N, C-alpha and C. Protein backbone atom coordinates (compact mmCIF):
# COMPACT_ATOMS: atom_id res chain seq x y z
N MET A 1 -19.13 -7.55 -10.96
CA MET A 1 -18.16 -7.84 -9.93
C MET A 1 -17.10 -6.74 -9.94
N GLN A 2 -16.79 -6.19 -8.78
CA GLN A 2 -15.79 -5.14 -8.70
C GLN A 2 -14.40 -5.74 -8.79
N SER A 3 -13.42 -4.90 -9.09
CA SER A 3 -12.06 -5.39 -9.25
C SER A 3 -11.50 -5.90 -7.93
N THR A 4 -11.99 -5.40 -6.78
CA THR A 4 -11.48 -5.88 -5.50
C THR A 4 -12.04 -7.24 -5.14
N ASP A 5 -13.12 -7.67 -5.79
CA ASP A 5 -13.72 -8.96 -5.51
C ASP A 5 -13.16 -10.07 -6.38
N ARG A 6 -12.26 -9.75 -7.26
CA ARG A 6 -11.71 -10.74 -8.19
C ARG A 6 -10.60 -11.53 -7.52
N PRO A 7 -10.45 -12.80 -7.90
CA PRO A 7 -9.30 -13.56 -7.41
C PRO A 7 -8.02 -13.05 -8.06
N PHE A 8 -6.89 -13.42 -7.50
CA PHE A 8 -5.60 -12.91 -7.98
C PHE A 8 -5.33 -13.30 -9.43
N TRP A 9 -5.73 -14.48 -9.80
CA TRP A 9 -5.40 -14.98 -11.13
C TRP A 9 -6.34 -14.45 -12.20
N LYS A 10 -7.26 -13.58 -11.83
CA LYS A 10 -8.20 -13.04 -12.81
C LYS A 10 -8.19 -11.51 -12.73
N PRO A 11 -7.18 -10.87 -13.31
CA PRO A 11 -7.15 -9.41 -13.29
C PRO A 11 -8.28 -8.84 -14.14
N PRO A 12 -8.62 -7.59 -13.93
CA PRO A 12 -9.68 -6.99 -14.75
C PRO A 12 -9.27 -6.93 -16.22
N PRO A 13 -10.23 -6.82 -17.12
CA PRO A 13 -9.87 -6.75 -18.54
C PRO A 13 -8.97 -5.54 -18.83
N SER A 14 -8.04 -5.74 -19.73
CA SER A 14 -7.09 -4.68 -20.04
C SER A 14 -7.70 -3.71 -21.05
N THR A 15 -7.25 -2.48 -20.94
CA THR A 15 -7.62 -1.46 -21.92
C THR A 15 -6.35 -1.06 -22.68
N ARG A 16 -6.55 -0.30 -23.75
CA ARG A 16 -5.37 0.18 -24.50
C ARG A 16 -4.47 1.03 -23.61
N LYS A 17 -5.09 1.80 -22.73
CA LYS A 17 -4.31 2.65 -21.83
C LYS A 17 -3.47 1.80 -20.87
N ASP A 18 -4.08 0.73 -20.33
CA ASP A 18 -3.34 -0.16 -19.43
C ASP A 18 -2.16 -0.81 -20.15
N LEU A 19 -2.40 -1.29 -21.36
CA LEU A 19 -1.33 -1.93 -22.12
C LEU A 19 -0.24 -0.95 -22.49
N ARG A 20 -0.63 0.28 -22.83
CA ARG A 20 0.35 1.32 -23.15
C ARG A 20 1.21 1.65 -21.93
N GLN A 21 0.57 1.79 -20.77
CA GLN A 21 1.32 2.07 -19.54
C GLN A 21 2.26 0.92 -19.20
N PHE A 22 1.78 -0.30 -19.38
CA PHE A 22 2.62 -1.47 -19.14
C PHE A 22 3.84 -1.44 -20.06
N GLY A 23 3.62 -1.19 -21.34
CA GLY A 23 4.74 -1.13 -22.29
C GLY A 23 5.72 -0.02 -21.97
N LEU A 24 5.21 1.13 -21.59
CA LEU A 24 6.10 2.25 -21.25
C LEU A 24 6.88 1.98 -19.97
N LEU A 25 6.23 1.31 -19.00
CA LEU A 25 6.94 0.95 -17.77
C LEU A 25 8.12 0.04 -18.08
N PHE A 26 7.88 -0.98 -18.89
CA PHE A 26 8.98 -1.89 -19.20
C PHE A 26 9.97 -1.28 -20.18
N THR A 27 9.56 -0.27 -20.92
CA THR A 27 10.52 0.49 -21.72
C THR A 27 11.51 1.21 -20.81
N VAL A 28 10.98 1.85 -19.78
CA VAL A 28 11.85 2.55 -18.82
C VAL A 28 12.77 1.57 -18.11
N ILE A 29 12.22 0.42 -17.70
CA ILE A 29 13.05 -0.58 -17.01
C ILE A 29 14.14 -1.11 -17.94
N SER A 30 13.80 -1.43 -19.18
CA SER A 30 14.80 -1.92 -20.14
C SER A 30 15.84 -0.85 -20.44
N SER A 31 15.41 0.39 -20.53
CA SER A 31 16.37 1.49 -20.77
C SER A 31 17.32 1.64 -19.59
N ALA A 32 16.80 1.51 -18.38
CA ALA A 32 17.66 1.61 -17.20
C ALA A 32 18.67 0.45 -17.18
N ILE A 33 18.23 -0.73 -17.52
CA ILE A 33 19.15 -1.87 -17.58
C ILE A 33 20.20 -1.65 -18.66
N ALA A 34 19.77 -1.14 -19.82
CA ALA A 34 20.72 -0.86 -20.91
C ALA A 34 21.73 0.20 -20.48
N ALA A 35 21.27 1.23 -19.80
CA ALA A 35 22.20 2.29 -19.35
C ALA A 35 23.19 1.73 -18.34
N TRP A 36 22.71 0.90 -17.42
CA TRP A 36 23.61 0.32 -16.43
C TRP A 36 24.63 -0.59 -17.10
N MET A 37 24.18 -1.42 -18.06
CA MET A 37 25.10 -2.33 -18.75
C MET A 37 26.10 -1.55 -19.61
N PHE A 38 25.65 -0.45 -20.22
CA PHE A 38 26.56 0.39 -20.98
C PHE A 38 27.63 0.99 -20.07
N TRP A 39 27.22 1.43 -18.90
CA TRP A 39 28.14 2.05 -17.95
C TRP A 39 29.14 1.04 -17.40
N ARG A 40 28.67 -0.19 -17.12
CA ARG A 40 29.53 -1.19 -16.51
C ARG A 40 30.33 -2.02 -17.52
N HIS A 41 29.73 -2.32 -18.70
CA HIS A 41 30.37 -3.29 -19.59
C HIS A 41 30.58 -2.79 -21.02
N GLY A 42 30.07 -1.62 -21.36
CA GLY A 42 30.29 -1.10 -22.70
C GLY A 42 29.10 -1.29 -23.62
N VAL A 43 29.29 -0.88 -24.87
CA VAL A 43 28.21 -0.84 -25.86
C VAL A 43 27.71 -2.24 -26.21
N ASP A 44 28.61 -3.19 -26.34
CA ASP A 44 28.20 -4.53 -26.78
C ASP A 44 27.20 -5.16 -25.82
N ALA A 45 27.39 -5.00 -24.55
CA ALA A 45 26.49 -5.62 -23.57
C ALA A 45 25.14 -4.90 -23.50
N ALA A 46 25.11 -3.64 -23.88
CA ALA A 46 23.88 -2.85 -23.75
C ALA A 46 22.99 -2.91 -24.97
N THR A 47 23.42 -3.54 -26.04
CA THR A 47 22.62 -3.51 -27.27
C THR A 47 21.32 -4.29 -27.15
N VAL A 48 21.33 -5.44 -26.50
CA VAL A 48 20.11 -6.24 -26.40
C VAL A 48 19.05 -5.53 -25.54
N PRO A 49 19.36 -5.07 -24.31
CA PRO A 49 18.33 -4.35 -23.56
C PRO A 49 17.89 -3.06 -24.23
N ALA A 50 18.79 -2.39 -24.94
CA ALA A 50 18.40 -1.16 -25.66
C ALA A 50 17.47 -1.49 -26.81
N ALA A 51 17.71 -2.59 -27.51
CA ALA A 51 16.82 -2.99 -28.60
C ALA A 51 15.45 -3.38 -28.04
N ILE A 52 15.42 -4.09 -26.92
CA ILE A 52 14.15 -4.44 -26.28
C ILE A 52 13.39 -3.18 -25.88
N ALA A 53 14.11 -2.21 -25.35
CA ALA A 53 13.47 -0.94 -24.96
C ALA A 53 12.90 -0.23 -26.17
N ALA A 54 13.64 -0.22 -27.27
CA ALA A 54 13.16 0.46 -28.48
C ALA A 54 11.92 -0.24 -29.05
N VAL A 55 11.93 -1.57 -29.07
CA VAL A 55 10.77 -2.31 -29.58
C VAL A 55 9.57 -2.09 -28.67
N LEU A 56 9.77 -2.15 -27.37
CA LEU A 56 8.67 -1.92 -26.44
C LEU A 56 8.10 -0.52 -26.58
N LEU A 57 8.97 0.47 -26.77
CA LEU A 57 8.49 1.84 -26.94
C LEU A 57 7.66 1.96 -28.21
N LEU A 58 8.16 1.41 -29.28
CA LEU A 58 7.43 1.47 -30.55
C LEU A 58 6.09 0.75 -30.46
N VAL A 59 6.08 -0.45 -29.92
CA VAL A 59 4.85 -1.23 -29.83
C VAL A 59 3.85 -0.56 -28.89
N SER A 60 4.32 -0.07 -27.75
CA SER A 60 3.38 0.53 -26.79
C SER A 60 2.80 1.85 -27.29
N LEU A 61 3.51 2.58 -28.11
CA LEU A 61 2.99 3.84 -28.64
C LEU A 61 2.11 3.64 -29.87
N VAL A 62 2.46 2.68 -30.72
CA VAL A 62 1.74 2.50 -31.98
C VAL A 62 0.56 1.54 -31.83
N TRP A 63 0.81 0.35 -31.30
CA TRP A 63 -0.24 -0.68 -31.25
C TRP A 63 0.02 -1.56 -30.03
N PRO A 64 -0.51 -1.21 -28.85
CA PRO A 64 -0.18 -1.92 -27.61
C PRO A 64 -0.87 -3.27 -27.43
N VAL A 65 -1.77 -3.67 -28.32
CA VAL A 65 -2.53 -4.92 -28.16
C VAL A 65 -1.63 -6.16 -28.09
N PRO A 66 -0.52 -6.25 -28.84
CA PRO A 66 0.33 -7.45 -28.73
C PRO A 66 0.97 -7.62 -27.35
N LEU A 67 0.91 -6.61 -26.50
CA LEU A 67 1.49 -6.73 -25.16
C LEU A 67 0.57 -7.46 -24.18
N LYS A 68 -0.65 -7.76 -24.59
CA LYS A 68 -1.62 -8.39 -23.69
C LYS A 68 -1.14 -9.73 -23.13
N PRO A 69 -0.53 -10.63 -23.92
CA PRO A 69 -0.05 -11.89 -23.34
C PRO A 69 1.03 -11.70 -22.27
N LEU A 70 1.74 -10.59 -22.31
CA LEU A 70 2.73 -10.30 -21.27
C LEU A 70 2.10 -9.56 -20.10
N TRP A 71 1.06 -8.80 -20.37
CA TRP A 71 0.39 -7.99 -19.34
C TRP A 71 -0.32 -8.86 -18.32
N TRP A 72 -1.01 -9.90 -18.78
CA TRP A 72 -1.81 -10.73 -17.88
C TRP A 72 -0.97 -11.40 -16.79
N PRO A 73 0.13 -12.11 -17.10
CA PRO A 73 0.94 -12.70 -16.02
C PRO A 73 1.54 -11.63 -15.10
N TRP A 74 1.88 -10.48 -15.67
CA TRP A 74 2.42 -9.41 -14.84
C TRP A 74 1.38 -8.93 -13.83
N MET A 75 0.15 -8.78 -14.25
CA MET A 75 -0.91 -8.35 -13.35
C MET A 75 -1.19 -9.39 -12.27
N VAL A 76 -1.15 -10.67 -12.62
CA VAL A 76 -1.33 -11.73 -11.62
C VAL A 76 -0.20 -11.65 -10.60
N PHE A 77 1.03 -11.52 -11.08
CA PHE A 77 2.18 -11.41 -10.19
C PHE A 77 2.07 -10.20 -9.28
N VAL A 78 1.68 -9.05 -9.84
CA VAL A 78 1.57 -7.83 -9.05
C VAL A 78 0.46 -7.95 -8.01
N ASN A 79 -0.67 -8.55 -8.37
CA ASN A 79 -1.76 -8.71 -7.42
C ASN A 79 -1.37 -9.63 -6.26
N VAL A 80 -0.72 -10.74 -6.57
CA VAL A 80 -0.28 -11.66 -5.51
C VAL A 80 0.76 -10.98 -4.64
N LEU A 81 1.70 -10.29 -5.25
CA LEU A 81 2.74 -9.60 -4.49
C LEU A 81 2.15 -8.52 -3.60
N GLY A 82 1.17 -7.78 -4.11
CA GLY A 82 0.53 -6.75 -3.29
C GLY A 82 -0.21 -7.34 -2.11
N PHE A 83 -0.91 -8.45 -2.32
CA PHE A 83 -1.62 -9.11 -1.23
C PHE A 83 -0.65 -9.59 -0.15
N VAL A 84 0.41 -10.26 -0.58
CA VAL A 84 1.38 -10.80 0.37
C VAL A 84 2.08 -9.68 1.11
N ASN A 85 2.51 -8.65 0.38
CA ASN A 85 3.22 -7.54 1.03
C ASN A 85 2.35 -6.82 2.03
N SER A 86 1.11 -6.53 1.68
CA SER A 86 0.26 -5.79 2.61
C SER A 86 -0.02 -6.62 3.86
N HIS A 87 -0.29 -7.90 3.70
CA HIS A 87 -0.56 -8.72 4.87
C HIS A 87 0.71 -8.96 5.69
N LEU A 88 1.83 -9.12 5.02
CA LEU A 88 3.09 -9.30 5.73
C LEU A 88 3.46 -8.04 6.51
N LEU A 89 3.33 -6.88 5.86
CA LEU A 89 3.65 -5.63 6.56
C LEU A 89 2.73 -5.38 7.74
N LEU A 90 1.43 -5.65 7.56
CA LEU A 90 0.50 -5.48 8.68
C LEU A 90 0.84 -6.42 9.82
N ALA A 91 1.19 -7.65 9.52
CA ALA A 91 1.55 -8.61 10.56
C ALA A 91 2.82 -8.17 11.28
N LEU A 92 3.81 -7.71 10.52
CA LEU A 92 5.05 -7.25 11.14
C LEU A 92 4.82 -6.05 12.06
N VAL A 93 4.01 -5.10 11.60
CA VAL A 93 3.71 -3.94 12.44
C VAL A 93 2.99 -4.38 13.71
N LEU A 94 2.03 -5.26 13.57
CA LEU A 94 1.28 -5.71 14.73
C LEU A 94 2.18 -6.44 15.72
N TYR A 95 2.92 -7.43 15.23
CA TYR A 95 3.68 -8.28 16.14
C TYR A 95 5.01 -7.69 16.59
N LEU A 96 5.60 -6.82 15.80
CA LEU A 96 6.90 -6.26 16.19
C LEU A 96 6.82 -4.88 16.82
N ILE A 97 5.69 -4.19 16.66
CA ILE A 97 5.57 -2.85 17.24
C ILE A 97 4.49 -2.81 18.31
N PHE A 98 3.26 -3.12 17.94
CA PHE A 98 2.16 -2.95 18.89
C PHE A 98 2.15 -3.99 20.00
N THR A 99 2.51 -5.23 19.70
CA THR A 99 2.50 -6.25 20.74
C THR A 99 3.52 -5.95 21.84
N PRO A 100 4.79 -5.63 21.54
CA PRO A 100 5.71 -5.28 22.63
C PRO A 100 5.26 -4.04 23.41
N ILE A 101 4.68 -3.07 22.73
CA ILE A 101 4.18 -1.89 23.44
C ILE A 101 3.08 -2.31 24.41
N GLY A 102 2.18 -3.18 23.98
CA GLY A 102 1.12 -3.67 24.85
C GLY A 102 1.67 -4.43 26.04
N TRP A 103 2.70 -5.25 25.81
CA TRP A 103 3.30 -6.01 26.92
C TRP A 103 3.92 -5.06 27.94
N VAL A 104 4.65 -4.05 27.45
CA VAL A 104 5.28 -3.10 28.37
C VAL A 104 4.22 -2.34 29.16
N LEU A 105 3.16 -1.93 28.50
CA LEU A 105 2.10 -1.20 29.20
C LEU A 105 1.42 -2.09 30.24
N ARG A 106 1.21 -3.35 29.94
CA ARG A 106 0.60 -4.25 30.92
C ARG A 106 1.53 -4.50 32.09
N LEU A 107 2.84 -4.66 31.81
CA LEU A 107 3.79 -4.90 32.89
C LEU A 107 3.90 -3.70 33.82
N THR A 108 3.78 -2.50 33.26
CA THR A 108 3.88 -1.30 34.09
C THR A 108 2.53 -0.91 34.69
N GLY A 109 1.46 -1.60 34.31
CA GLY A 109 0.14 -1.30 34.86
C GLY A 109 -0.51 -0.05 34.28
N LYS A 110 -0.01 0.42 33.17
CA LYS A 110 -0.55 1.62 32.55
C LYS A 110 -1.80 1.28 31.75
N ARG A 111 -2.85 2.07 31.91
CA ARG A 111 -4.09 1.90 31.16
C ARG A 111 -4.30 3.15 30.33
N LEU A 112 -4.11 3.04 29.02
CA LEU A 112 -4.21 4.19 28.14
C LEU A 112 -5.65 4.68 27.99
N LEU A 113 -6.61 3.78 28.09
CA LEU A 113 -8.00 4.19 27.95
C LEU A 113 -8.59 4.72 29.25
N ASP A 114 -7.89 4.51 30.35
CA ASP A 114 -8.39 4.96 31.64
C ASP A 114 -9.81 4.44 31.87
N ARG A 115 -9.99 3.17 31.62
CA ARG A 115 -11.32 2.58 31.67
C ARG A 115 -11.20 1.20 32.28
N ASP A 116 -12.02 0.88 33.26
CA ASP A 116 -12.11 -0.46 33.81
C ASP A 116 -13.38 -1.07 33.25
N PHE A 117 -13.23 -2.02 32.36
CA PHE A 117 -14.39 -2.54 31.65
C PHE A 117 -15.33 -3.33 32.57
N ARG A 118 -14.77 -3.97 33.60
CA ARG A 118 -15.66 -4.67 34.53
C ARG A 118 -16.52 -3.68 35.29
N ARG A 119 -15.92 -2.59 35.71
CA ARG A 119 -16.67 -1.54 36.42
C ARG A 119 -17.68 -0.87 35.47
N SER A 120 -17.31 -0.70 34.21
CA SER A 120 -18.20 -0.10 33.23
C SER A 120 -19.45 -0.94 33.04
N ARG A 121 -19.28 -2.26 32.96
CA ARG A 121 -20.44 -3.14 32.82
C ARG A 121 -21.37 -3.02 34.02
N GLN A 122 -20.79 -2.91 35.19
CA GLN A 122 -21.60 -2.80 36.40
C GLN A 122 -22.38 -1.48 36.41
N ILE A 123 -21.72 -0.40 36.03
CA ILE A 123 -22.39 0.91 36.00
C ILE A 123 -23.53 0.89 35.00
N LEU A 124 -23.28 0.31 33.81
CA LEU A 124 -24.31 0.26 32.79
C LEU A 124 -25.47 -0.64 33.20
N SER A 125 -25.16 -1.75 33.85
CA SER A 125 -26.24 -2.65 34.27
C SER A 125 -27.11 -2.02 35.35
N GLU A 126 -26.57 -1.08 36.11
CA GLU A 126 -27.34 -0.39 37.14
C GLU A 126 -28.07 0.83 36.58
N GLY A 127 -27.97 1.05 35.27
CA GLY A 127 -28.67 2.16 34.64
C GLY A 127 -27.89 3.47 34.69
N GLY A 128 -26.61 3.40 34.99
CA GLY A 128 -25.78 4.60 35.07
C GLY A 128 -25.24 5.01 33.71
N SER A 129 -24.35 5.98 33.71
CA SER A 129 -23.78 6.49 32.49
C SER A 129 -22.27 6.51 32.61
N LEU A 130 -21.60 6.36 31.47
CA LEU A 130 -20.13 6.41 31.44
C LEU A 130 -19.61 7.79 31.07
N TRP A 131 -20.50 8.76 30.88
CA TRP A 131 -20.09 10.12 30.57
C TRP A 131 -19.40 10.71 31.79
N ARG A 132 -18.40 11.52 31.54
CA ARG A 132 -17.70 12.19 32.64
C ARG A 132 -17.89 13.69 32.52
N ARG A 133 -17.91 14.35 33.64
CA ARG A 133 -17.98 15.80 33.65
C ARG A 133 -16.67 16.38 33.13
N ARG A 134 -16.77 17.42 32.34
CA ARG A 134 -15.58 18.10 31.82
C ARG A 134 -14.92 18.85 32.97
N GLU A 135 -13.61 18.63 33.13
CA GLU A 135 -12.89 19.27 34.23
C GLU A 135 -12.53 20.71 33.91
N THR A 136 -12.28 21.01 32.63
CA THR A 136 -11.96 22.38 32.24
C THR A 136 -13.12 22.93 31.44
N PRO A 137 -13.36 24.23 31.52
CA PRO A 137 -14.47 24.80 30.76
C PRO A 137 -14.17 24.79 29.26
N LEU A 138 -15.19 24.89 28.45
CA LEU A 138 -15.00 24.97 27.01
C LEU A 138 -14.23 26.22 26.63
N LEU A 139 -13.45 26.14 25.56
CA LEU A 139 -12.69 27.30 25.10
C LEU A 139 -13.63 28.29 24.44
N ASP A 140 -13.30 29.58 24.57
CA ASP A 140 -14.15 30.59 23.95
C ASP A 140 -13.89 30.65 22.44
N SER A 141 -14.76 31.28 21.70
CA SER A 141 -14.67 31.29 20.25
C SER A 141 -13.45 32.05 19.75
N GLN A 142 -12.92 32.99 20.52
CA GLN A 142 -11.72 33.73 20.10
C GLN A 142 -10.48 32.84 20.06
N HIS A 143 -10.49 31.78 20.83
CA HIS A 143 -9.34 30.88 20.85
C HIS A 143 -9.12 30.24 19.47
N PHE A 144 -10.18 29.94 18.75
CA PHE A 144 -10.07 29.26 17.48
C PHE A 144 -9.64 30.18 16.35
N LYS A 145 -9.70 31.49 16.56
CA LYS A 145 -9.28 32.41 15.51
C LYS A 145 -7.76 32.55 15.46
N ARG A 146 -7.09 32.33 16.58
CA ARG A 146 -5.63 32.40 16.62
C ARG A 146 -5.11 31.03 16.99
N GLN A 147 -5.03 30.17 16.00
CA GLN A 147 -4.63 28.78 16.27
C GLN A 147 -3.11 28.62 16.44
N PHE A 148 -2.34 29.57 15.89
CA PHE A 148 -0.90 29.39 15.95
C PHE A 148 -0.24 30.56 16.62
């Protein structure tokens, strides 16, 4: 079974490389949180996230296997989030961009394909062709040598 055929709650088996990358990612995130807390609140507030970052760095570089119980829920969350985001973004693009453009084109009577499908069916049923004669001649081969 390929990884794209898996359900969200069943991520592919983890490798040492995956666990190491996971640990390093959360090391960077913990370090960023520690830096922000140090900048905003001082050393005392930044010690816990800095210690978490140090432990994560050590574990992910030396022996990343203990990170597996944390990796699995993260992968489930990421897979669900990716599915929802991609479908949500596609729906938003369709309904907020392409649908209004289609409505405006229909209201103005503009046909981007320059094709009447009812007429096309009639031509095809009579044994005709939908090919059109080229109005301009083909470009000569020298045109393609100087494209800019």
